[in-house]
């Protein structure tokens, strides 16, 4: 799906835009994928319903395409797998806008491109096998001709629809490659050699010189009084003339 605005990755808007069902149904890729889904149902449904007939000589059911059971089995197998692949990629187309990882979108688009290309080739082989076996069918008595022709016709239509899906997937892949990787925020690695953070540019620093202030005291202040030091040689009072008695 193409985005109407904002960044896109591999043909789809980035996550967060929501899902618009009406716009999704109108997308050319969705329409072609639904047609491929219907064509696959017609092919394997017609063969399983009317692709085998019984005869008097052979009670077992035989394929209407020259009684080649391998041709019918191949067409049924391709049709059933194509049906499942269409359903899977319809779901993936819905989920694709919600993928925030561009790498996951790349893998989804590459898977779509690869499977669409492979099934284009397989439907071509199926058409060739059915056409060849039908041209060799000589006895068409009791064979539902409309069923055989419808199977061949819708096998051919499937080649066209799957080829268109391959073209759409290739265009989406090329747009994703040309758009480049989706920018994602990553933490910058720490730089231990830079003295400052990367976003901080220090301005030039000019230190100012400090000049101490000299204080002067006035000379006319009287000098403080100093007391004499303490002396311990004072004579005790009241002990003058005392003498011990004599016995």
C-alpha atoms as a PDB file:
ATOM      1  CA  UNK A   1       0.000   0.000   0.000  1.00  0.00           C
ATOM      2  CA  UNK A   2       1.197   3.435  -0.795  1.00  0.00           C
ATOM      3  CA  UNK A   3       1.272   6.077   1.845  1.00  0.00           C
ATOM      4  CA  UNK A   4      -0.558   9.322   1.307  1.00  0.00           C
ATOM      5  CA  UNK A   5       1.871  11.345   3.329  1.00  0.00           C
ATOM      6  CA  UNK A   6       4.807  11.117   5.680  1.00  0.00           C
ATOM      7  CA  UNK A   7       7.752   8.758   5.495  1.00  0.00           C
ATOM      8  CA  UNK A   8       7.256   5.324   3.992  1.00  0.00           C
ATOM      9  CA  UNK A   9       9.210   2.077   3.960  1.00  0.00           C
ATOM     10  CA  UNK A  10       8.823  -0.540   1.204  1.00  0.00           C
ATOM     11  CA  UNK A  11       5.643   0.969  -0.170  1.00  0.00           C
ATOM     12  CA  UNK A  12       3.781   1.289   3.135  1.00  0.00           C
ATOM     13  CA  UNK A  13       3.524   4.188   5.582  1.00  0.00           C
ATOM     14  CA  UNK A  14       5.405   3.965   8.818  1.00  0.00           C
ATOM     15  CA  UNK A  15       3.716   2.544  11.883  1.00  0.00           C
ATOM     16  CA  UNK A  16       1.260   4.745  13.681  1.00  0.00           C
ATOM     17  CA  UNK A  17      -0.962   5.744  10.755  1.00  0.00           C
ATOM     18  CA  UNK A  18      -3.657   3.130  11.454  1.00  0.00           C
ATOM     19  CA  UNK A  19      -5.488   0.878   9.002  1.00  0.00           C
ATOM     20  CA  UNK A  20      -8.007   2.135   6.423  1.00  0.00           C
ATOM     21  CA  UNK A  21     -10.134  -0.822   5.291  1.00  0.00           C
ATOM     22  CA  UNK A  22     -11.875   1.000   2.425  1.00  0.00           C
ATOM     23  CA  UNK A  23      -8.596   2.231   1.024  1.00  0.00           C
ATOM     24  CA  UNK A  24      -7.065  -1.232   1.435  1.00  0.00           C
ATOM     25  CA  UNK A  25      -9.853  -2.862  -0.589  1.00  0.00           C
ATOM     26  CA  UNK A  26      -9.360  -0.356  -3.427  1.00  0.00           C
ATOM     27  CA  UNK A  27      -5.628  -1.000  -3.690  1.00  0.00           C
ATOM     28  CA  UNK A  28      -4.657  -2.594  -7.057  1.00  0.00           C
ATOM     29  CA  UNK A  29      -2.487  -5.164  -5.304  1.00  0.00           C
ATOM     30  CA  UNK A  30      -5.378  -6.212  -3.053  1.00  0.00           C
ATOM     31  CA  UNK A  31      -7.764  -6.532  -6.011  1.00  0.00           C
ATOM     32  CA  UNK A  32      -5.315  -8.680  -7.998  1.00  0.00           C
ATOM     33  CA  UNK A  33      -4.598 -10.849  -4.971  1.00  0.00           C
ATOM     34  CA  UNK A  34      -8.316 -11.449  -4.442  1.00  0.00           C
ATOM     35  CA  UNK A  35      -8.653 -12.407  -8.116  1.00  0.00           C
ATOM     36  CA  UNK A  36      -5.789 -14.881  -7.735  1.00  0.00           C
ATOM     37  CA  UNK A  37      -7.550 -16.303  -4.694  1.00  0.00           C
ATOM     38  CA  UNK A  38     -10.808 -16.762  -6.649  1.00  0.00           C
ATOM     39  CA  UNK A  39      -9.036 -18.295  -9.651  1.00  0.00           C
ATOM     40  CA  UNK A  40      -7.290 -20.834  -7.413  1.00  0.00           C
ATOM     41  CA  UNK A  41     -10.661 -21.838  -5.925  1.00  0.00           C
ATOM     42  CA  UNK A  42     -12.115 -22.319  -9.408  1.00  0.00           C
ATOM     43  CA  UNK A  43      -9.229 -24.512 -10.561  1.00  0.00           C
ATOM     44  CA  UNK A  44      -9.009 -26.956  -7.657  1.00  0.00           C
ATOM     45  CA  UNK A  45     -12.770 -26.825  -7.000  1.00  0.00           C
ATOM     46  CA  UNK A  46     -13.624 -27.718 -10.599  1.00  0.00           C
ATOM     47  CA  UNK A  47     -11.178 -30.611 -10.729  1.00  0.00           C
ATOM     48  CA  UNK A  48     -12.192 -32.071  -7.375  1.00  0.00           C
ATOM     49  CA  UNK A  49     -15.867 -31.729  -8.280  1.00  0.00           C
ATOM     50  CA  UNK A  50     -15.941 -32.671 -11.981  1.00  0.00           C
ATOM     51  CA  UNK A  51     -12.391 -33.586 -12.916  1.00  0.00           C
ATOM     52  CA  UNK A  52     -12.776 -37.331 -12.467  1.00  0.00           C
ATOM     53  CA  UNK A  53     -15.172 -39.608 -14.373  1.00  0.00           C
ATOM     54  CA  UNK A  54     -16.033 -43.294 -14.191  1.00  0.00           C
ATOM     55  CA  UNK A  55     -16.420 -45.555 -17.189  1.00  0.00           C
ATOM     56  CA  UNK A  56     -17.933 -49.008 -17.616  1.00  0.00           C
ATOM     57  CA  UNK A  57     -14.556 -50.553 -18.272  1.00  0.00           C
ATOM     58  CA  UNK A  58     -12.843 -48.661 -15.422  1.00  0.00           C
ATOM     59  CA  UNK A  59     -14.983 -48.158 -12.307  1.00  0.00           C
ATOM     60  CA  UNK A  60     -12.291 -46.077 -10.678  1.00  0.00           C
ATOM     61  CA  UNK A  61     -12.428 -42.351 -11.354  1.00  0.00           C
ATOM     62  CA  UNK A  62     -10.008 -41.129 -13.987  1.00  0.00           C
ATOM     63  CA  UNK A  63      -8.872 -37.600 -14.738  1.00  0.00           C
ATOM     64  CA  UNK A  64     -10.720 -35.925 -17.601  1.00  0.00           C
ATOM     65  CA  UNK A  65      -7.407 -34.715 -19.003  1.00  0.00           C
ATOM     66  CA  UNK A  66      -6.386 -37.805 -21.000  1.00  0.00           C
ATOM     67  CA  UNK A  67      -6.961 -39.929 -17.884  1.00  0.00           C
ATOM     68  CA  UNK A  68      -3.727 -38.486 -16.454  1.00  0.00           C
ATOM     69  CA  UNK A  69      -4.138 -38.489 -12.698  1.00  0.00           C
ATOM     70  CA  UNK A  70      -0.825 -36.675 -12.289  1.00  0.00           C
ATOM     71  CA  UNK A  71      -2.163 -33.704 -14.299  1.00  0.00           C
ATOM     72  CA  UNK A  72      -5.248 -33.391 -12.117  1.00  0.00           C
ATOM     73  CA  UNK A  73      -3.263 -33.897  -8.898  1.00  0.00           C
ATOM     74  CA  UNK A  74      -0.756 -31.244  -9.920  1.00  0.00           C
ATOM     75  CA  UNK A  75      -3.505 -28.708 -10.700  1.00  0.00           C
ATOM     76  CA  UNK A  76      -5.297 -29.414  -7.426  1.00  0.00           C
ATOM     77  CA  UNK A  77      -2.075 -29.095  -5.415  1.00  0.00           C
ATOM     78  CA  UNK A  78      -1.072 -25.828  -7.060  1.00  0.00           C
ATOM     79  CA  UNK A  79      -4.577 -24.432  -6.614  1.00  0.00           C
ATOM     80  CA  UNK A  80      -4.849 -25.316  -2.919  1.00  0.00           C
ATOM     81  CA  UNK A  81      -1.411 -23.934  -2.036  1.00  0.00           C
ATOM     82  CA  UNK A  82      -2.063 -20.784  -4.082  1.00  0.00           C
ATOM     83  CA  UNK A  83      -5.318 -20.311  -2.157  1.00  0.00           C
ATOM     84  CA  UNK A  84      -3.480 -20.517   1.183  1.00  0.00           C
ATOM     85  CA  UNK A  85      -0.669 -18.234   0.002  1.00  0.00           C
ATOM     86  CA  UNK A  86      -3.184 -15.586  -1.092  1.00  0.00           C
ATOM     87  CA  UNK A  87      -4.870 -15.669   2.323  1.00  0.00           C
ATOM     88  CA  UNK A  88      -1.528 -15.423   4.121  1.00  0.00           C
ATOM     89  CA  UNK A  89      -0.354 -12.432   2.087  1.00  0.00           C
ATOM     90  CA  UNK A  90      -3.687 -10.659   2.411  1.00  0.00           C
ATOM     91  CA  UNK A  91      -3.208 -10.837   6.175  1.00  0.00           C
ATOM     92  CA  UNK A  92       0.401  -9.698   5.760  1.00  0.00           C
ATOM     93  CA  UNK A  93      -0.697  -6.701   3.659  1.00  0.00           C
ATOM     94  CA  UNK A  94      -3.004  -5.682   6.507  1.00  0.00           C
ATOM     95  CA  UNK A  95      -0.266  -6.071   9.106  1.00  0.00           C
ATOM     96  CA  UNK A  96       2.496  -4.406   7.063  1.00  0.00           C
ATOM     97  CA  UNK A  97       1.694  -0.766   8.031  1.00  0.00           C
ATOM     98  CA  UNK A  98       1.966  -1.729  11.688  1.00  0.00           C
ATOM     99  CA  UNK A  99       5.539  -2.982  11.299  1.00  0.00           C
ATOM    100  CA  UNK A 100       7.868  -0.377  12.775  1.00  0.00           C
ATOM    101  CA  UNK A 101      10.998  -2.309  11.855  1.00  0.00           C
ATOM    102  CA  UNK A 102      12.107  -1.675   8.266  1.00  0.00           C
ATOM    103  CA  UNK A 103      14.075  -4.932   8.238  1.00  0.00           C
ATOM    104  CA  UNK A 104      10.900  -6.939   8.921  1.00  0.00           C
ATOM    105  CA  UNK A 105       9.145  -5.105   6.092  1.00  0.00           C
ATOM    106  CA  UNK A 106      12.018  -5.949   3.788  1.00  0.00           C
ATOM    107  CA  UNK A 107      11.707  -9.669   4.579  1.00  0.00           C
ATOM    108  CA  UNK A 108       7.932  -9.547   4.044  1.00  0.00           C
ATOM    109  CA  UNK A 109       8.302  -7.864   0.652  1.00  0.00           C
ATOM    110  CA  UNK A 110      11.058 -10.272  -0.376  1.00  0.00           C
ATOM    111  CA  UNK A 111       8.839 -13.237   0.577  1.00  0.00           C
ATOM    112  CA  UNK A 112       5.997 -11.759  -1.483  1.00  0.00           C
ATOM    113  CA  UNK A 113       8.313 -11.224  -4.436  1.00  0.00           C
ATOM    114  CA  UNK A 114       9.771 -14.738  -4.276  1.00  0.00           C
ATOM    115  CA  UNK A 115       6.498 -16.630  -3.849  1.00  0.00           C
ATOM    116  CA  UNK A 116       4.692 -14.571  -6.472  1.00  0.00           C
ATOM    117  CA  UNK A 117       7.450 -15.272  -8.993  1.00  0.00           C
ATOM    118  CA  UNK A 118       7.496 -18.983  -8.152  1.00  0.00           C
ATOM    119  CA  UNK A 119       3.722 -19.347  -8.456  1.00  0.00           C
ATOM    120  CA  UNK A 120       3.712 -17.494 -11.770  1.00  0.00           C
ATOM    121  CA  UNK A 121       6.052 -20.168 -13.096  1.00  0.00           C
ATOM    122  CA  UNK A 122       4.068 -23.034 -11.495  1.00  0.00           C
ATOM    123  CA  UNK A 123       0.800 -21.803 -12.998  1.00  0.00           C
ATOM    124  CA  UNK A 124       2.495 -21.598 -16.370  1.00  0.00           C
ATOM    125  CA  UNK A 125       3.587 -25.216 -16.013  1.00  0.00           C
ATOM    126  CA  UNK A 126       0.065 -26.182 -14.926  1.00  0.00           C
ATOM    127  CA  UNK A 127      -1.456 -24.469 -17.962  1.00  0.00           C
ATOM    128  CA  UNK A 128       0.984 -26.195 -20.285  1.00  0.00           C
ATOM    129  CA  UNK A 129       0.349 -29.632 -18.728  1.00  0.00           C
ATOM    130  CA  UNK A 130      -3.445 -29.307 -18.823  1.00  0.00           C
ATOM    131  CA  UNK A 131      -3.420 -27.981 -22.388  1.00  0.00           C
ATOM    132  CA  UNK A 132      -1.137 -30.755 -23.558  1.00  0.00           C
ATOM    133  CA  UNK A 133      -3.181 -33.496 -21.906  1.00  0.00           C
ATOM    134  CA  UNK A 134      -6.458 -32.047 -23.160  1.00  0.00           C
ATOM    135  CA  UNK A 135      -5.177 -31.956 -26.705  1.00  0.00           C
ATOM    136  CA  UNK A 136      -4.376 -35.678 -26.417  1.00  0.00           C
ATOM    137  CA  UNK A 137      -7.815 -36.560 -25.081  1.00  0.00           C
ATOM    138  CA  UNK A 138      -9.519 -38.397 -27.971  1.00  0.00           C
ATOM    139  CA  UNK A 139     -12.578 -39.806 -26.269  1.00  0.00           C
ATOM    140  CA  UNK A 140     -14.513 -36.940 -24.775  1.00  0.00           C
ATOM    141  CA  UNK A 141     -17.702 -38.859 -24.290  1.00  0.00           C
ATOM    142  CA  UNK A 142     -19.156 -38.206 -20.844  1.00  0.00           C
ATOM    143  CA  UNK A 143     -16.516 -35.590 -20.077  1.00  0.00           C
ATOM    144  CA  UNK A 144     -17.819 -32.250 -18.768  1.00  0.00           C
ATOM    145  CA  UNK A 145     -16.325 -30.043 -21.427  1.00  0.00           C
ATOM    146  CA  UNK A 146     -17.135 -26.797 -19.641  1.00  0.00           C
ATOM    147  CA  UNK A 147     -15.259 -27.947 -16.537  1.00  0.00           C
ATOM    148  CA  UNK A 148     -12.180 -28.889 -18.540  1.00  0.00           C
ATOM    149  CA  UNK A 149     -12.158 -25.617 -20.460  1.00  0.00           C
ATOM    150  CA  UNK A 150     -12.757 -23.574 -17.306  1.00  0.00           C
ATOM    151  CA  UNK A 151      -9.831 -25.260 -15.583  1.00  0.00           C
ATOM    152  CA  UNK A 152      -7.519 -24.478 -18.484  1.00  0.00           C
ATOM    153  CA  UNK A 153      -8.797 -20.906 -18.816  1.00  0.00           C
ATOM    154  CA  UNK A 154      -8.450 -20.024 -15.125  1.00  0.00           C
ATOM    155  CA  UNK A 155      -5.013 -21.604 -15.061  1.00  0.00           C
ATOM    156  CA  UNK A 156      -4.050 -19.147 -17.779  1.00  0.00           C
ATOM    157  CA  UNK A 157      -5.677 -16.245 -15.904  1.00  0.00           C
ATOM    158  CA  UNK A 158      -3.691 -17.210 -12.814  1.00  0.00           C
ATOM    159  CA  UNK A 159      -0.454 -16.770 -14.767  1.00  0.00           C
ATOM    160  CA  UNK A 160      -1.457 -13.170 -15.477  1.00  0.00           C
ATOM    161  CA  UNK A 161      -2.590 -12.319 -11.931  1.00  0.00           C
ATOM    162  CA  UNK A 162       0.459 -13.828 -10.245  1.00  0.00           C
ATOM    163  CA  UNK A 163       2.708 -12.115 -12.766  1.00  0.00           C
ATOM    164  CA  UNK A 164       1.096  -8.790 -11.853  1.00  0.00           C
ATOM    165  CA  UNK A 165       1.614  -9.554  -8.159  1.00  0.00           C
ATOM    166  CA  UNK A 166       5.272 -10.216  -8.911  1.00  0.00           C
ATOM    167  CA  UNK A 167       5.513  -6.845 -10.642  1.00  0.00           C
ATOM    168  CA  UNK A 168       3.900  -5.052  -7.685  1.00  0.00           C
ATOM    169  CA  UNK A 169       6.205  -6.788  -5.205  1.00  0.00           C
ATOM    170  CA  UNK A 170       9.248  -5.911  -7.311  1.00  0.00           C
ATOM    171  CA  UNK A 171       8.199  -2.261  -7.441  1.00  0.00           C
ATOM    172  CA  UNK A 172       7.685  -2.175  -3.672  1.00  0.00           C
ATOM    173  CA  UNK A 173      11.103  -3.742  -3.100  1.00  0.00           C
ATOM    174  CA  UNK A 174      12.808  -1.222  -5.392  1.00  0.00           C
ATOM    175  CA  UNK A 175      11.132   1.697  -3.621  1.00  0.00           C
ATOM    176  CA  UNK A 176      12.346   0.348  -0.295  1.00  0.00           C
ATOM    177  CA  UNK A 177      15.911   0.080  -1.586  1.00  0.00           C
ATOM    178  CA  UNK A 178      15.840   3.572  -3.087  1.00  0.00           C
ATOM    179  CA  UNK A 179      14.376   5.109   0.062  1.00  0.00           C
ATOM    180  CA  UNK A 180      17.294   3.791   2.102  1.00  0.00           C
ATOM    181  CA  UNK A 181      17.126   2.638   5.690  1.00  0.00           C
ATOM    182  CA  UNK A 182      14.572   4.227   7.967  1.00  0.00           C
ATOM    183  CA  UNK A 183      16.372   6.505  10.440  1.00  0.00           C
ATOM    184  CA  UNK A 184      16.242   5.198  13.964  1.00  0.00           C
ATOM    185  CA  UNK A 185      17.408   6.863  17.159  1.00  0.00           C
ATOM    186  CA  UNK A 186      20.448   5.303  18.751  1.00  0.00           C
ATOM    187  CA  UNK A 187      22.277   6.374  21.851  1.00  0.00           C
ATOM    188  CA  UNK A 188      25.651   7.962  21.019  1.00  0.00           C
ATOM    189  CA  UNK A 189      28.619   5.979  22.342  1.00  0.00           C
ATOM    190  CA  UNK A 190      30.346   7.516  25.337  1.00  0.00           C
ATOM    191  CA  UNK A 191      33.546   9.376  24.510  1.00  0.00           C
ATOM    192  CA  UNK A 192      35.957   9.244  27.421  1.00  0.00           C
ATOM    193  CA  UNK A 193      38.555  11.382  25.643  1.00  0.00           C
ATOM    194  CA  UNK A 194      36.400  14.482  25.308  1.00  0.00           C
ATOM    195  CA  UNK A 195      36.519  16.649  28.455  1.00  0.00           C
ATOM    196  CA  UNK A 196      33.088  18.101  27.736  1.00  0.00           C
ATOM    197  CA  UNK A 197      29.847  16.614  26.380  1.00  0.00           C
ATOM    198  CA  UNK A 198      29.458  16.814  22.578  1.00  0.00           C
ATOM    199  CA  UNK A 199      26.677  19.392  22.859  1.00  0.00           C
ATOM    200  CA  UNK A 200      28.586  21.706  25.249  1.00  0.00           C
ATOM    201  CA  UNK A 201      31.148  24.120  23.894  1.00  0.00           C
ATOM    202  CA  UNK A 202      32.903  25.974  26.743  1.00  0.00           C
ATOM    203  CA  UNK A 203      33.632  29.644  26.281  1.00  0.00           C
ATOM    204  CA  UNK A 204      37.082  31.084  26.822  1.00  0.00           C
ATOM    205  CA  UNK A 205      37.844  31.474  30.517  1.00  0.00           C
ATOM    206  CA  UNK A 206      39.928  34.447  31.698  1.00  0.00           C
ATOM    207  CA  UNK A 207      40.691  34.138  35.406  1.00  0.00           C
ATOM    208  CA  UNK A 208      40.863  37.422  37.349  1.00  0.00           C
ATOM    209  CA  UNK A 209      43.885  38.022  39.586  1.00  0.00           C
ATOM    210  CA  UNK A 210      43.162  38.466  43.250  1.00  0.00           C
ATOM    211  CA  UNK A 211      44.844  41.404  45.002  1.00  0.00           C
ATOM    212  CA  UNK A 212      44.699  41.127  48.793  1.00  0.00           C
ATOM    213  CA  UNK A 213      43.700  44.269  50.688  1.00  0.00           C
ATOM    214  CA  UNK A 214      46.293  45.633  53.197  1.00  0.00           C
ATOM    215  CA  UNK A 215      44.826  46.866  56.442  1.00  0.00           C
ATOM    216  CA  UNK A 216      46.721  49.455  58.680  1.00  0.00           C
ATOM    217  CA  UNK A 217      45.999  50.026  62.327  1.00  0.00           C
ATOM    218  CA  UNK A 218      46.161  53.533  63.928  1.00  0.00           C
ATOM    219  CA  UNK A 219      49.268  54.248  66.039  1.00  0.00           C
ATOM    220  CA  UNK A 220      47.547  56.393  68.733  1.00  0.00           C
ATOM    221  CA  UNK A 221      45.704  53.497  70.384  1.00  0.00           C
ATOM    222  CA  UNK A 222      47.044  52.937  73.951  1.00  0.00           C
ATOM    223  CA  UNK A 223      48.846  49.716  74.545  1.00  0.00           C
ATOM    224  CA  UNK A 224      46.809  47.289  76.655  1.00  0.00           C
ATOM    225  CA  UNK A 225      47.843  46.721  80.296  1.00  0.00           C
ATOM    226  CA  UNK A 226      49.797  43.570  80.989  1.00  0.00           C
ATOM    227  CA  UNK A 227      49.553  41.944  84.396  1.00  0.00           C
ATOM    228  CA  UNK A 228      52.774  40.680  86.068  1.00  0.00           C
ATOM    229  CA  UNK A 229      53.320  37.009  85.930  1.00  0.00           C
ATOM    230  CA  UNK A 230      52.189  34.844  88.799  1.00  0.00           C
ATOM    231  CA  UNK A 231      54.784  34.360  91.613  1.00  0.00           C
ATOM    232  CA  UNK A 232      54.602  31.668  94.254  1.00  0.00           C
ATOM    233  CA  UNK A 233      57.265  33.010  96.725  1.00  0.00           C
ATOM    234  CA  UNK A 234      54.887  35.080  98.887  1.00  0.00           C
ATOM    235  CA  UNK A 235      55.352  34.596 102.648  1.00  0.00           C
ATOM    236  CA  UNK A 236      52.356  33.239 104.526  1.00  0.00           C
ATOM    237  CA  UNK A 237      50.552  35.783 106.659  1.00  0.00           C
ATOM    238  CA  UNK A 238      50.245  35.231 110.438  1.00  0.00           C
ATOM    239  CA  UNK A 239      53.273  32.952 110.724  1.00  0.00           C
ATOM    240  CA  UNK A 240      55.856  35.629 111.697  1.00  0.00           C
ATOM    241  CA  UNK A 241      57.827  34.687 114.911  1.00  0.00           C
ATOM    242  CA  UNK A 242      56.269  31.348 115.393  1.00  0.00           C
ATOM    243  CA  UNK A 243      58.514  28.740 116.752  1.00  0.00           C
ATOM    244  CA  UNK A 244      57.738  25.265 117.885  1.00  0.00           C
ATOM    245  CA  UNK A 245      57.693  24.650 121.682  1.00  0.00           C
ATOM    246  CA  UNK A 246      60.613  23.049 123.477  1.00  0.00           C
ATOM    247  CA  UNK A 247      60.087  20.207 125.915  1.00  0.00           C
END
